[in-house]
């Protein structure tokens, strides 16, 4: 699956403190076809701009044609629009009720009340941002449920139309099922089924593809029309429901006070990575990071010493009132 953070220089150290906040994660389980059903639950952390806010995110992915992603928030300002930002790209908008509650549900096959799930939130930062003033109110890192799987392209039915379904499997499972693996375990482009890297059939109209080079607020989200989901997946982009790139649907409201943030991330081998991301000061604090005192991650303000310019590609959760896996 596509699980990538900002491609900036990372300093590996040992013995750093653990990241604040932990994921509530149910690991991907095998499906009847040998693939995996990715289920992730993540509580979101309130920032100082909305200290009483509560929120959570839920992800359920079976294949490129069967996936849901829900974001639920409470105790926010009523009758307000909030940008839903994943990896630096605006993927939708959450509107609150007069009482300050709101919910948005993304589906791979959306109905009238749903938004399009043409991106994979797993392995990326989710931010809920006031669309009027740019204040970040809820943040969270959506965990990767199964970094060992890849996108597996499987022929649909017995016809010769050349149509393929994408399922997330291990490379060995994919080969045994007669499929073709896309990407590598833990890789980037093409390792996820969202957007569908197997779908090369041109749609009735173009798809709108959003990318962000640094996956944070240092780079502006760019929009480009593509011929298929496959083309967008090759760019490492997110497919969003929009008629065109004018105005740019990918760029949310800029944060009110963006700054370079130094974040620590524990690895499976026991080491800790120090990573720099440009996010709001409030989001940095809520994520357990430290502001570097500059507005850019160039020159690695978090302590790297290899000369690279460093620029490349919650514990308080909400009430249990529903999520992506149990909605129509």
C-alpha atoms as a PDB file:
ATOM      1  CA  UNK A   1       0.000   0.000   0.000  1.00  0.00           C
ATOM      2  CA  UNK A   2       1.076   3.551  -0.553  1.00  0.00           C
ATOM      3  CA  UNK A   3       2.433   4.581   2.791  1.00  0.00           C
ATOM      4  CA  UNK A   4       4.710   7.546   2.536  1.00  0.00           C
ATOM      5  CA  UNK A   5       5.508  10.541   4.625  1.00  0.00           C
ATOM      6  CA  UNK A   6       7.219  13.683   3.451  1.00  0.00           C
ATOM      7  CA  UNK A   7      10.396  12.679   1.607  1.00  0.00           C
ATOM      8  CA  UNK A   8      12.598  15.018   3.574  1.00  0.00           C
ATOM      9  CA  UNK A   9      15.900  14.240   5.240  1.00  0.00           C
ATOM     10  CA  UNK A  10      15.406  12.144   8.366  1.00  0.00           C
ATOM     11  CA  UNK A  11      17.823  11.898  11.271  1.00  0.00           C
ATOM     12  CA  UNK A  12      17.816   8.518  13.009  1.00  0.00           C
ATOM     13  CA  UNK A  13      18.470   8.639  16.749  1.00  0.00           C
ATOM     14  CA  UNK A  14      18.052   6.185  19.595  1.00  0.00           C
ATOM     15  CA  UNK A  15      16.256   6.697  22.860  1.00  0.00           C
ATOM     16  CA  UNK A  16      13.917   9.589  21.921  1.00  0.00           C
ATOM     17  CA  UNK A  17      10.527   9.870  23.602  1.00  0.00           C
ATOM     18  CA  UNK A  18       7.580   8.156  21.993  1.00  0.00           C
ATOM     19  CA  UNK A  19       5.074  10.123  19.947  1.00  0.00           C
ATOM     20  CA  UNK A  20       2.181  11.517  21.942  1.00  0.00           C
ATOM     21  CA  UNK A  21      -1.093   9.682  21.262  1.00  0.00           C
ATOM     22  CA  UNK A  22      -1.690   6.125  20.113  1.00  0.00           C
ATOM     23  CA  UNK A  23      -3.772   4.603  17.378  1.00  0.00           C
ATOM     24  CA  UNK A  24      -6.694   2.309  18.072  1.00  0.00           C
ATOM     25  CA  UNK A  25      -5.915  -0.141  15.289  1.00  0.00           C
ATOM     26  CA  UNK A  26      -7.489  -3.351  14.084  1.00  0.00           C
ATOM     27  CA  UNK A  27      -4.976  -4.955  11.724  1.00  0.00           C
ATOM     28  CA  UNK A  28      -5.994  -6.005   8.234  1.00  0.00           C
ATOM     29  CA  UNK A  29      -7.506  -9.467   8.108  1.00  0.00           C
ATOM     30  CA  UNK A  30      -7.616 -11.904   5.196  1.00  0.00           C
ATOM     31  CA  UNK A  31     -10.736 -11.796   3.030  1.00  0.00           C
ATOM     32  CA  UNK A  32     -12.379 -14.749   1.339  1.00  0.00           C
ATOM     33  CA  UNK A  33     -10.372 -14.118  -1.814  1.00  0.00           C
ATOM     34  CA  UNK A  34      -7.032 -14.155  -0.007  1.00  0.00           C
ATOM     35  CA  UNK A  35      -6.703 -10.383   0.081  1.00  0.00           C
ATOM     36  CA  UNK A  36      -6.883  -8.251   3.201  1.00  0.00           C
ATOM     37  CA  UNK A  37      -9.629  -6.102   4.607  1.00  0.00           C
ATOM     38  CA  UNK A  38      -7.955  -3.010   6.023  1.00  0.00           C
ATOM     39  CA  UNK A  39      -9.715  -1.690   9.130  1.00  0.00           C
ATOM     40  CA  UNK A  40      -8.302   1.301  10.981  1.00  0.00           C
ATOM     41  CA  UNK A  41      -9.725   3.378  13.815  1.00  0.00           C
ATOM     42  CA  UNK A  42      -7.943   6.537  14.939  1.00  0.00           C
ATOM     43  CA  UNK A  43      -8.890   9.059  17.599  1.00  0.00           C
ATOM     44  CA  UNK A  44      -8.119  12.640  16.598  1.00  0.00           C
ATOM     45  CA  UNK A  45      -6.381  15.087  18.934  1.00  0.00           C
ATOM     46  CA  UNK A  46      -7.831  18.510  19.662  1.00  0.00           C
ATOM     47  CA  UNK A  47      -5.581  21.533  19.237  1.00  0.00           C
ATOM     48  CA  UNK A  48      -5.463  24.630  21.420  1.00  0.00           C
ATOM     49  CA  UNK A  49      -7.752  26.368  18.904  1.00  0.00           C
ATOM     50  CA  UNK A  50     -10.603  24.027  19.904  1.00  0.00           C
ATOM     51  CA  UNK A  51      -9.550  22.309  23.135  1.00  0.00           C
ATOM     52  CA  UNK A  52     -12.981  20.810  23.782  1.00  0.00           C
ATOM     53  CA  UNK A  53     -13.288  19.246  20.321  1.00  0.00           C
ATOM     54  CA  UNK A  54     -13.584  15.504  19.919  1.00  0.00           C
ATOM     55  CA  UNK A  55     -13.086  13.512  16.759  1.00  0.00           C
ATOM     56  CA  UNK A  56     -12.171  10.209  15.177  1.00  0.00           C
ATOM     57  CA  UNK A  57     -11.513   8.648  11.798  1.00  0.00           C
ATOM     58  CA  UNK A  58     -12.386   5.172  10.550  1.00  0.00           C
ATOM     59  CA  UNK A  59     -11.140   3.388   7.439  1.00  0.00           C
ATOM     60  CA  UNK A  60     -12.456   0.173   5.899  1.00  0.00           C
ATOM     61  CA  UNK A  61     -10.910  -1.013   2.612  1.00  0.00           C
ATOM     62  CA  UNK A  62     -11.615  -4.324   0.895  1.00  0.00           C
ATOM     63  CA  UNK A  63     -10.659  -3.448  -2.678  1.00  0.00           C
ATOM     64  CA  UNK A  64     -10.558  -0.610  -5.182  1.00  0.00           C
ATOM     65  CA  UNK A  65     -14.345  -0.865  -5.493  1.00  0.00           C
ATOM     66  CA  UNK A  66     -15.182  -1.395  -1.809  1.00  0.00           C
ATOM     67  CA  UNK A  67     -13.847   1.169   0.613  1.00  0.00           C
ATOM     68  CA  UNK A  68     -15.128   3.666   3.199  1.00  0.00           C
ATOM     69  CA  UNK A  69     -13.518   6.465   5.169  1.00  0.00           C
ATOM     70  CA  UNK A  70     -15.426   8.387   7.849  1.00  0.00           C
ATOM     71  CA  UNK A  71     -14.429  11.499   9.791  1.00  0.00           C
ATOM     72  CA  UNK A  72     -16.587  12.373  12.795  1.00  0.00           C
ATOM     73  CA  UNK A  73     -16.273  15.529  14.913  1.00  0.00           C
ATOM     74  CA  UNK A  74     -18.052  17.030  17.920  1.00  0.00           C
ATOM     75  CA  UNK A  75     -17.900  20.162  20.064  1.00  0.00           C
ATOM     76  CA  UNK A  76     -16.815  22.445  17.232  1.00  0.00           C
ATOM     77  CA  UNK A  77     -18.247  25.801  16.189  1.00  0.00           C
ATOM     78  CA  UNK A  78     -21.759  25.355  14.865  1.00  0.00           C
ATOM     79  CA  UNK A  79     -22.776  25.990  11.254  1.00  0.00           C
ATOM     80  CA  UNK A  80     -19.153  26.057  10.105  1.00  0.00           C
ATOM     81  CA  UNK A  81     -17.271  24.430   7.221  1.00  0.00           C
ATOM     82  CA  UNK A  82     -14.027  22.597   7.943  1.00  0.00           C
ATOM     83  CA  UNK A  83     -11.568  21.449   5.282  1.00  0.00           C
ATOM     84  CA  UNK A  84     -10.641  17.757   5.504  1.00  0.00           C
ATOM     85  CA  UNK A  85      -6.942  17.646   4.585  1.00  0.00           C
ATOM     86  CA  UNK A  86      -5.006  14.409   4.009  1.00  0.00           C
ATOM     87  CA  UNK A  87      -1.282  14.542   3.186  1.00  0.00           C
ATOM     88  CA  UNK A  88      -1.549  18.238   2.342  1.00  0.00           C
ATOM     89  CA  UNK A  89      -4.504  17.814  -0.054  1.00  0.00           C
ATOM     90  CA  UNK A  90      -8.055  18.983   0.578  1.00  0.00           C
ATOM     91  CA  UNK A  91     -10.179  15.895  -0.055  1.00  0.00           C
ATOM     92  CA  UNK A  92     -13.520  17.151   1.211  1.00  0.00           C
ATOM     93  CA  UNK A  93     -15.400  19.477   3.546  1.00  0.00           C
ATOM     94  CA  UNK A  94     -17.136  18.711   6.836  1.00  0.00           C
ATOM     95  CA  UNK A  95     -20.094  20.913   7.802  1.00  0.00           C
ATOM     96  CA  UNK A  96     -21.159  21.169  11.429  1.00  0.00           C
ATOM     97  CA  UNK A  97     -24.699  21.314  12.748  1.00  0.00           C
ATOM     98  CA  UNK A  98     -25.900  24.217  14.909  1.00  0.00           C
ATOM     99  CA  UNK A  99     -24.729  22.146  17.885  1.00  0.00           C
ATOM    100  CA  UNK A 100     -21.179  21.796  16.519  1.00  0.00           C
ATOM    101  CA  UNK A 101     -21.258  18.156  15.370  1.00  0.00           C
ATOM    102  CA  UNK A 102     -20.338  17.018  11.893  1.00  0.00           C
ATOM    103  CA  UNK A 103     -19.570  13.954   9.860  1.00  0.00           C
ATOM    104  CA  UNK A 104     -18.324  13.181   6.363  1.00  0.00           C
ATOM    105  CA  UNK A 105     -18.324   9.744   4.746  1.00  0.00           C
ATOM    106  CA  UNK A 106     -16.174   8.907   1.716  1.00  0.00           C
ATOM    107  CA  UNK A 107     -16.968   5.829  -0.385  1.00  0.00           C
ATOM    108  CA  UNK A 108     -15.379   4.297  -3.459  1.00  0.00           C
ATOM    109  CA  UNK A 109     -18.879   4.146  -4.949  1.00  0.00           C
ATOM    110  CA  UNK A 110     -20.473   7.245  -3.443  1.00  0.00           C
ATOM    111  CA  UNK A 111     -24.174   7.905  -3.222  1.00  0.00           C
ATOM    112  CA  UNK A 112     -25.871  11.305  -2.997  1.00  0.00           C
ATOM    113  CA  UNK A 113     -24.870  11.749   0.665  1.00  0.00           C
ATOM    114  CA  UNK A 114     -21.269  10.564   0.257  1.00  0.00           C
ATOM    115  CA  UNK A 115     -17.965  11.973  -0.975  1.00  0.00           C
ATOM    116  CA  UNK A 116     -15.649  10.125  -3.352  1.00  0.00           C
ATOM    117  CA  UNK A 117     -12.928   7.949  -1.815  1.00  0.00           C
ATOM    118  CA  UNK A 118     -10.250   8.210  -4.497  1.00  0.00           C
ATOM    119  CA  UNK A 119      -7.308   8.345  -2.090  1.00  0.00           C
ATOM    120  CA  UNK A 120      -5.807   6.237   0.679  1.00  0.00           C
ATOM    121  CA  UNK A 121      -5.679   8.028   4.056  1.00  0.00           C
ATOM    122  CA  UNK A 122      -3.681   5.268   5.750  1.00  0.00           C
ATOM    123  CA  UNK A 123      -0.116   6.266   6.568  1.00  0.00           C
ATOM    124  CA  UNK A 124      -0.867   9.997   6.294  1.00  0.00           C
ATOM    125  CA  UNK A 125      -1.734  12.931   8.522  1.00  0.00           C
ATOM    126  CA  UNK A 126      -5.369  14.023   8.720  1.00  0.00           C
ATOM    127  CA  UNK A 127      -6.161  17.636   9.607  1.00  0.00           C
ATOM    128  CA  UNK A 128      -9.531  19.265  10.176  1.00  0.00           C
ATOM    129  CA  UNK A 129      -9.164  23.007   9.473  1.00  0.00           C
ATOM    130  CA  UNK A 130     -11.597  25.908   9.784  1.00  0.00           C
ATOM    131  CA  UNK A 131     -12.193  26.953   6.179  1.00  0.00           C
ATOM    132  CA  UNK A 132     -12.720  30.594   7.170  1.00  0.00           C
ATOM    133  CA  UNK A 133      -9.753  31.443   9.378  1.00  0.00           C
ATOM    134  CA  UNK A 134      -7.318  28.573   8.749  1.00  0.00           C
ATOM    135  CA  UNK A 135      -7.256  27.322  12.340  1.00  0.00           C
ATOM    136  CA  UNK A 136      -6.488  23.625  12.727  1.00  0.00           C
ATOM    137  CA  UNK A 137      -8.878  22.098  15.268  1.00  0.00           C
ATOM    138  CA  UNK A 138      -8.323  18.312  15.065  1.00  0.00           C
ATOM    139  CA  UNK A 139      -5.300  16.322  13.880  1.00  0.00           C
ATOM    140  CA  UNK A 140      -4.231  12.685  13.741  1.00  0.00           C
ATOM    141  CA  UNK A 141      -1.909  10.280  11.951  1.00  0.00           C
ATOM    142  CA  UNK A 142      -3.918   7.512  10.278  1.00  0.00           C
ATOM    143  CA  UNK A 143      -1.980   4.261  10.861  1.00  0.00           C
ATOM    144  CA  UNK A 144      -0.946   1.803   8.182  1.00  0.00           C
ATOM    145  CA  UNK A 145      -2.756  -1.457   8.920  1.00  0.00           C
ATOM    146  CA  UNK A 146      -0.597  -3.666   6.677  1.00  0.00           C
ATOM    147  CA  UNK A 147       2.615  -2.239   5.183  1.00  0.00           C
ATOM    148  CA  UNK A 148       3.566  -5.682   3.803  1.00  0.00           C
ATOM    149  CA  UNK A 149       0.814  -5.747   1.173  1.00  0.00           C
ATOM    150  CA  UNK A 150       0.793  -4.403  -2.374  1.00  0.00           C
ATOM    151  CA  UNK A 151      -1.822  -3.561  -4.987  1.00  0.00           C
ATOM    152  CA  UNK A 152      -2.743  -6.735  -6.892  1.00  0.00           C
ATOM    153  CA  UNK A 153      -4.462  -6.443 -10.285  1.00  0.00           C
ATOM    154  CA  UNK A 154      -6.879  -9.327 -10.873  1.00  0.00           C
ATOM    155  CA  UNK A 155      -8.918  -9.923 -14.058  1.00  0.00           C
ATOM    156  CA  UNK A 156     -12.635  -9.352 -13.531  1.00  0.00           C
ATOM    157  CA  UNK A 157     -14.757 -12.335 -14.598  1.00  0.00           C
ATOM    158  CA  UNK A 158     -14.050 -14.489 -17.650  1.00  0.00           C
ATOM    159  CA  UNK A 159     -14.515 -11.824 -20.288  1.00  0.00           C
ATOM    160  CA  UNK A 160     -11.852 -10.423 -22.556  1.00  0.00           C
ATOM    161  CA  UNK A 161     -12.608  -6.777 -21.915  1.00  0.00           C
ATOM    162  CA  UNK A 162      -9.354  -6.232 -20.088  1.00  0.00           C
ATOM    163  CA  UNK A 163     -10.959  -4.965 -16.880  1.00  0.00           C
ATOM    164  CA  UNK A 164      -9.120  -5.512 -13.600  1.00  0.00           C
ATOM    165  CA  UNK A 165     -10.074  -5.335  -9.939  1.00  0.00           C
ATOM    166  CA  UNK A 166      -7.482  -4.240  -7.406  1.00  0.00           C
ATOM    167  CA  UNK A 167      -7.098  -6.030  -4.075  1.00  0.00           C
ATOM    168  CA  UNK A 168      -4.452  -5.582  -1.415  1.00  0.00           C
ATOM    169  CA  UNK A 169      -2.476  -8.794  -0.999  1.00  0.00           C
ATOM    170  CA  UNK A 170       1.027  -9.918  -0.196  1.00  0.00           C
ATOM    171  CA  UNK A 171       3.140 -10.403  -3.342  1.00  0.00           C
ATOM    172  CA  UNK A 172       2.961 -14.170  -2.797  1.00  0.00           C
ATOM    173  CA  UNK A 173      -0.834 -14.147  -2.491  1.00  0.00           C
ATOM    174  CA  UNK A 174      -1.102 -12.040  -5.622  1.00  0.00           C
ATOM    175  CA  UNK A 175       1.019 -14.440  -7.670  1.00  0.00           C
ATOM    176  CA  UNK A 176      -0.925 -17.448  -6.384  1.00  0.00           C
ATOM    177  CA  UNK A 177      -4.203 -15.774  -7.392  1.00  0.00           C
ATOM    178  CA  UNK A 178      -2.936 -15.155 -10.924  1.00  0.00           C
ATOM    179  CA  UNK A 179      -2.684 -11.404 -10.444  1.00  0.00           C
ATOM    180  CA  UNK A 180      -0.054  -8.797 -11.169  1.00  0.00           C
ATOM    181  CA  UNK A 181       1.599  -6.934  -8.295  1.00  0.00           C
ATOM    182  CA  UNK A 182       1.940  -3.169  -8.430  1.00  0.00           C
ATOM    183  CA  UNK A 183       4.478  -1.483  -6.183  1.00  0.00           C
ATOM    184  CA  UNK A 184       6.533  -3.052  -3.412  1.00  0.00           C
ATOM    185  CA  UNK A 185       5.668  -3.714   0.251  1.00  0.00           C
ATOM    186  CA  UNK A 186       5.956  -0.482   2.190  1.00  0.00           C
ATOM    187  CA  UNK A 187       6.531   1.391  -1.059  1.00  0.00           C
ATOM    188  CA  UNK A 188       4.984   4.525  -2.460  1.00  0.00           C
ATOM    189  CA  UNK A 189       3.405   4.995  -5.883  1.00  0.00           C
ATOM    190  CA  UNK A 190       1.098   2.197  -6.988  1.00  0.00           C
ATOM    191  CA  UNK A 191       1.284   0.161  -3.772  1.00  0.00           C
ATOM    192  CA  UNK A 192      -2.295   1.017  -2.788  1.00  0.00           C
ATOM    193  CA  UNK A 193      -5.639   0.312  -4.462  1.00  0.00           C
ATOM    194  CA  UNK A 194      -6.787   3.909  -3.899  1.00  0.00           C
ATOM    195  CA  UNK A 195      -6.731   5.404  -6.458  1.00  0.00           C
ATOM    196  CA  UNK A 196      -6.947   2.230  -8.532  1.00  0.00           C
ATOM    197  CA  UNK A 197      -3.609   1.588 -10.304  1.00  0.00           C
ATOM    198  CA  UNK A 198      -5.198  -1.274 -12.266  1.00  0.00           C
ATOM    199  CA  UNK A 199      -7.883   0.873 -13.896  1.00  0.00           C
ATOM    200  CA  UNK A 200      -6.526   1.977 -17.275  1.00  0.00           C
ATOM    201  CA  UNK A 201      -9.968   2.276 -18.872  1.00  0.00           C
ATOM    202  CA  UNK A 202     -10.695   5.934 -19.695  1.00  0.00           C
ATOM    203  CA  UNK A 203     -13.817   7.115 -17.831  1.00  0.00           C
ATOM    204  CA  UNK A 204     -16.691   8.908 -19.510  1.00  0.00           C
ATOM    205  CA  UNK A 205     -14.936  12.097 -18.429  1.00  0.00           C
ATOM    206  CA  UNK A 206     -11.484  12.882 -17.068  1.00  0.00           C
ATOM    207  CA  UNK A 207     -10.569  12.419 -13.403  1.00  0.00           C
ATOM    208  CA  UNK A 208      -9.337  15.298 -11.265  1.00  0.00           C
ATOM    209  CA  UNK A 209      -6.044  14.359  -9.598  1.00  0.00           C
ATOM    210  CA  UNK A 210      -4.518  16.201  -6.612  1.00  0.00           C
ATOM    211  CA  UNK A 211      -0.872  16.024  -5.564  1.00  0.00           C
ATOM    212  CA  UNK A 212       1.261  17.691  -2.921  1.00  0.00           C
ATOM    213  CA  UNK A 213       5.031  17.372  -3.288  1.00  0.00           C
ATOM    214  CA  UNK A 214       5.888  17.558   0.408  1.00  0.00           C
ATOM    215  CA  UNK A 215       2.588  16.168   1.802  1.00  0.00           C
ATOM    216  CA  UNK A 216       2.292  19.117   4.185  1.00  0.00           C
ATOM    217  CA  UNK A 217       1.666  22.866   4.188  1.00  0.00           C
ATOM    218  CA  UNK A 218       5.059  23.819   2.740  1.00  0.00           C
ATOM    219  CA  UNK A 219       3.928  22.885  -0.767  1.00  0.00           C
ATOM    220  CA  UNK A 220       0.677  23.970  -2.351  1.00  0.00           C
ATOM    221  CA  UNK A 221      -1.607  21.193  -3.519  1.00  0.00           C
ATOM    222  CA  UNK A 222      -1.644  20.997  -7.305  1.00  0.00           C
ATOM    223  CA  UNK A 223      -4.489  19.896  -9.557  1.00  0.00           C
ATOM    224  CA  UNK A 224      -4.288  18.134 -12.909  1.00  0.00           C
ATOM    225  CA  UNK A 225      -6.841  16.298 -15.022  1.00  0.00           C
ATOM    226  CA  UNK A 226      -5.874  12.715 -15.835  1.00  0.00           C
ATOM    227  CA  UNK A 227      -7.240  10.122 -18.237  1.00  0.00           C
ATOM    228  CA  UNK A 228      -7.814   7.424 -15.607  1.00  0.00           C
ATOM    229  CA  UNK A 229      -7.301   6.512 -11.962  1.00  0.00           C
ATOM    230  CA  UNK A 230      -4.241   4.558 -13.091  1.00  0.00           C
ATOM    231  CA  UNK A 231      -2.647   7.766 -14.384  1.00  0.00           C
ATOM    232  CA  UNK A 232      -3.360   9.557 -11.104  1.00  0.00           C
ATOM    233  CA  UNK A 233      -1.985   6.617  -9.088  1.00  0.00           C
ATOM    234  CA  UNK A 234       1.253   6.780 -11.072  1.00  0.00           C
ATOM    235  CA  UNK A 235       1.629  10.389  -9.926  1.00  0.00           C
ATOM    236  CA  UNK A 236       1.002   9.407  -6.307  1.00  0.00           C
ATOM    237  CA  UNK A 237      -2.128  11.547  -6.367  1.00  0.00           C
ATOM    238  CA  UNK A 238      -5.646  11.562  -4.951  1.00  0.00           C
ATOM    239  CA  UNK A 239      -8.758  11.485  -7.124  1.00  0.00           C
ATOM    240  CA  UNK A 240     -11.380  13.967  -5.919  1.00  0.00           C
ATOM    241  CA  UNK A 241     -14.931  14.664  -7.020  1.00  0.00           C
ATOM    242  CA  UNK A 242     -14.627  17.876  -9.023  1.00  0.00           C
ATOM    243  CA  UNK A 243     -15.619  19.027 -12.488  1.00  0.00           C
ATOM    244  CA  UNK A 244     -12.310  20.749 -13.250  1.00  0.00           C
ATOM    245  CA  UNK A 245      -9.170  22.268 -11.759  1.00  0.00           C
ATOM    246  CA  UNK A 246     -10.546  25.807 -11.950  1.00  0.00           C
ATOM    247  CA  UNK A 247     -10.904  26.789  -9.182  1.00  0.00           C
ATOM    248  CA  UNK A 248      -8.357  24.438  -7.622  1.00  0.00           C
ATOM    249  CA  UNK A 249     -10.350  21.893  -5.538  1.00  0.00           C
ATOM    250  CA  UNK A 250      -7.177  20.415  -4.031  1.00  0.00           C
ATOM    251  CA  UNK A 251      -5.965  23.473  -2.118  1.00  0.00           C
ATOM    252  CA  UNK A 252      -7.592  24.080   1.230  1.00  0.00           C
ATOM    253  CA  UNK A 253      -7.456  27.230   3.325  1.00  0.00           C
ATOM    254  CA  UNK A 254      -3.805  27.899   4.279  1.00  0.00           C
ATOM    255  CA  UNK A 255      -3.038  27.395   7.979  1.00  0.00           C
ATOM    256  CA  UNK A 256      -3.121  30.534  10.076  1.00  0.00           C
ATOM    257  CA  UNK A 257       0.452  30.114  11.383  1.00  0.00           C
ATOM    258  CA  UNK A 258       2.461  27.433   9.589  1.00  0.00           C
ATOM    259  CA  UNK A 259       5.898  26.533  10.928  1.00  0.00           C
ATOM    260  CA  UNK A 260       8.475  23.775  10.653  1.00  0.00           C
ATOM    261  CA  UNK A 261       7.685  21.062  13.204  1.00  0.00           C
ATOM    262  CA  UNK A 262      10.110  18.396  14.429  1.00  0.00           C
ATOM    263  CA  UNK A 263       8.339  15.084  15.030  1.00  0.00           C
ATOM    264  CA  UNK A 264       9.680  11.768  16.294  1.00  0.00           C
ATOM    265  CA  UNK A 265       8.488   8.450  14.926  1.00  0.00           C
ATOM    266  CA  UNK A 266       9.383   5.032  16.303  1.00  0.00           C
ATOM    267  CA  UNK A 267      10.504   2.341  13.884  1.00  0.00           C
ATOM    268  CA  UNK A 268      10.110  -1.444  14.151  1.00  0.00           C
ATOM    269  CA  UNK A 269      13.850  -1.825  14.741  1.00  0.00           C
ATOM    270  CA  UNK A 270      13.681   0.293  17.898  1.00  0.00           C
ATOM    271  CA  UNK A 271      15.199   3.392  16.346  1.00  0.00           C
ATOM    272  CA  UNK A 272      13.441   6.749  16.211  1.00  0.00           C
ATOM    273  CA  UNK A 273      13.222   8.989  13.176  1.00  0.00           C
ATOM    274  CA  UNK A 274      13.224  12.760  13.539  1.00  0.00           C
ATOM    275  CA  UNK A 275      11.090  14.215  10.798  1.00  0.00           C
ATOM    276  CA  UNK A 276      10.365  17.764   9.730  1.00  0.00           C
ATOM    277  CA  UNK A 277       6.928  18.829   8.504  1.00  0.00           C
ATOM    278  CA  UNK A 278       5.483  22.273   7.876  1.00  0.00           C
ATOM    279  CA  UNK A 279       2.170  22.341   9.750  1.00  0.00           C
ATOM    280  CA  UNK A 280       0.436  24.827  12.002  1.00  0.00           C
ATOM    281  CA  UNK A 281       1.958  25.491  15.415  1.00  0.00           C
ATOM    282  CA  UNK A 282      -1.225  24.138  17.042  1.00  0.00           C
ATOM    283  CA  UNK A 283      -1.111  20.929  15.022  1.00  0.00           C
ATOM    284  CA  UNK A 284       2.577  20.536  15.870  1.00  0.00           C
ATOM    285  CA  UNK A 285       1.905  20.790  19.590  1.00  0.00           C
ATOM    286  CA  UNK A 286      -1.093  18.426  19.400  1.00  0.00           C
ATOM    287  CA  UNK A 287       1.040  15.852  17.566  1.00  0.00           C
ATOM    288  CA  UNK A 288       3.720  15.990  20.261  1.00  0.00           C
ATOM    289  CA  UNK A 289       6.199  17.850  18.070  1.00  0.00           C
ATOM    290  CA  UNK A 290       8.498  20.805  18.657  1.00  0.00           C
ATOM    291  CA  UNK A 291       8.410  23.979  16.565  1.00  0.00           C
ATOM    292  CA  UNK A 292      11.792  24.602  14.949  1.00  0.00           C
ATOM    293  CA  UNK A 293      11.460  28.385  14.938  1.00  0.00           C
ATOM    294  CA  UNK A 294      11.527  28.663  11.137  1.00  0.00           C
ATOM    295  CA  UNK A 295       8.847  28.467   8.469  1.00  0.00           C
ATOM    296  CA  UNK A 296      10.481  25.891   6.172  1.00  0.00           C
ATOM    297  CA  UNK A 297      11.962  22.403   6.341  1.00  0.00           C
ATOM    298  CA  UNK A 298      14.766  23.378   3.974  1.00  0.00           C
ATOM    299  CA  UNK A 299      18.240  22.883   5.496  1.00  0.00           C
ATOM    300  CA  UNK A 300      16.810  20.329   7.910  1.00  0.00           C
ATOM    301  CA  UNK A 301      16.060  22.447  11.003  1.00  0.00           C
ATOM    302  CA  UNK A 302      15.360  19.285  12.999  1.00  0.00           C
ATOM    303  CA  UNK A 303      19.018  18.320  13.198  1.00  0.00           C
ATOM    304  CA  UNK A 304      20.094  16.435  10.073  1.00  0.00           C
ATOM    305  CA  UNK A 305      23.779  16.683   9.183  1.00  0.00           C
ATOM    306  CA  UNK A 306      24.108  15.055   5.763  1.00  0.00           C
ATOM    307  CA  UNK A 307      23.907  18.286   3.798  1.00  0.00           C
ATOM    308  CA  UNK A 308      20.635  17.494   2.067  1.00  0.00           C
ATOM    309  CA  UNK A 309      18.254  20.407   1.692  1.00  0.00           C
ATOM    310  CA  UNK A 310      15.607  18.319   3.389  1.00  0.00           C
ATOM    311  CA  UNK A 311      12.940  18.932   0.767  1.00  0.00           C
ATOM    312  CA  UNK A 312      11.345  16.072  -1.048  1.00  0.00           C
ATOM    313  CA  UNK A 313       8.522  14.668  -2.407  1.00  0.00           C
ATOM    314  CA  UNK A 314      -5.089  11.698  19.917  1.00  0.00           C
ATOM    315  CA  UNK A 315      -5.641  10.526  22.993  1.00  0.00           C
ATOM    316  CA  UNK A 316      -8.997  12.104  23.633  1.00  0.00           C
ATOM    317  CA  UNK A 317     -11.168  10.626  20.853  1.00  0.00           C
ATOM    318  CA  UNK A 318     -14.861  10.977  20.130  1.00  0.00           C
ATOM    319  CA  UNK A 319     -17.828   9.049  21.376  1.00  0.00           C
ATOM    320  CA  UNK A 320     -18.628   5.756  19.704  1.00  0.00           C
ATOM    321  CA  UNK A 321     -21.463   6.925  17.507  1.00  0.00           C
ATOM    322  CA  UNK A 322     -20.789   5.287  14.186  1.00  0.00           C
ATOM    323  CA  UNK A 323     -18.166   5.203  11.464  1.00  0.00           C
ATOM    324  CA  UNK A 324     -17.258   4.125   8.015  1.00  0.00           C
ATOM    325  CA  UNK A 325     -17.756   0.403   8.376  1.00  0.00           C
ATOM    326  CA  UNK A 326     -21.407   0.377   9.342  1.00  0.00           C
ATOM    327  CA  UNK A 327     -22.972   2.912   7.008  1.00  0.00           C
ATOM    328  CA  UNK A 328     -25.106   2.420   3.963  1.00  0.00           C
END
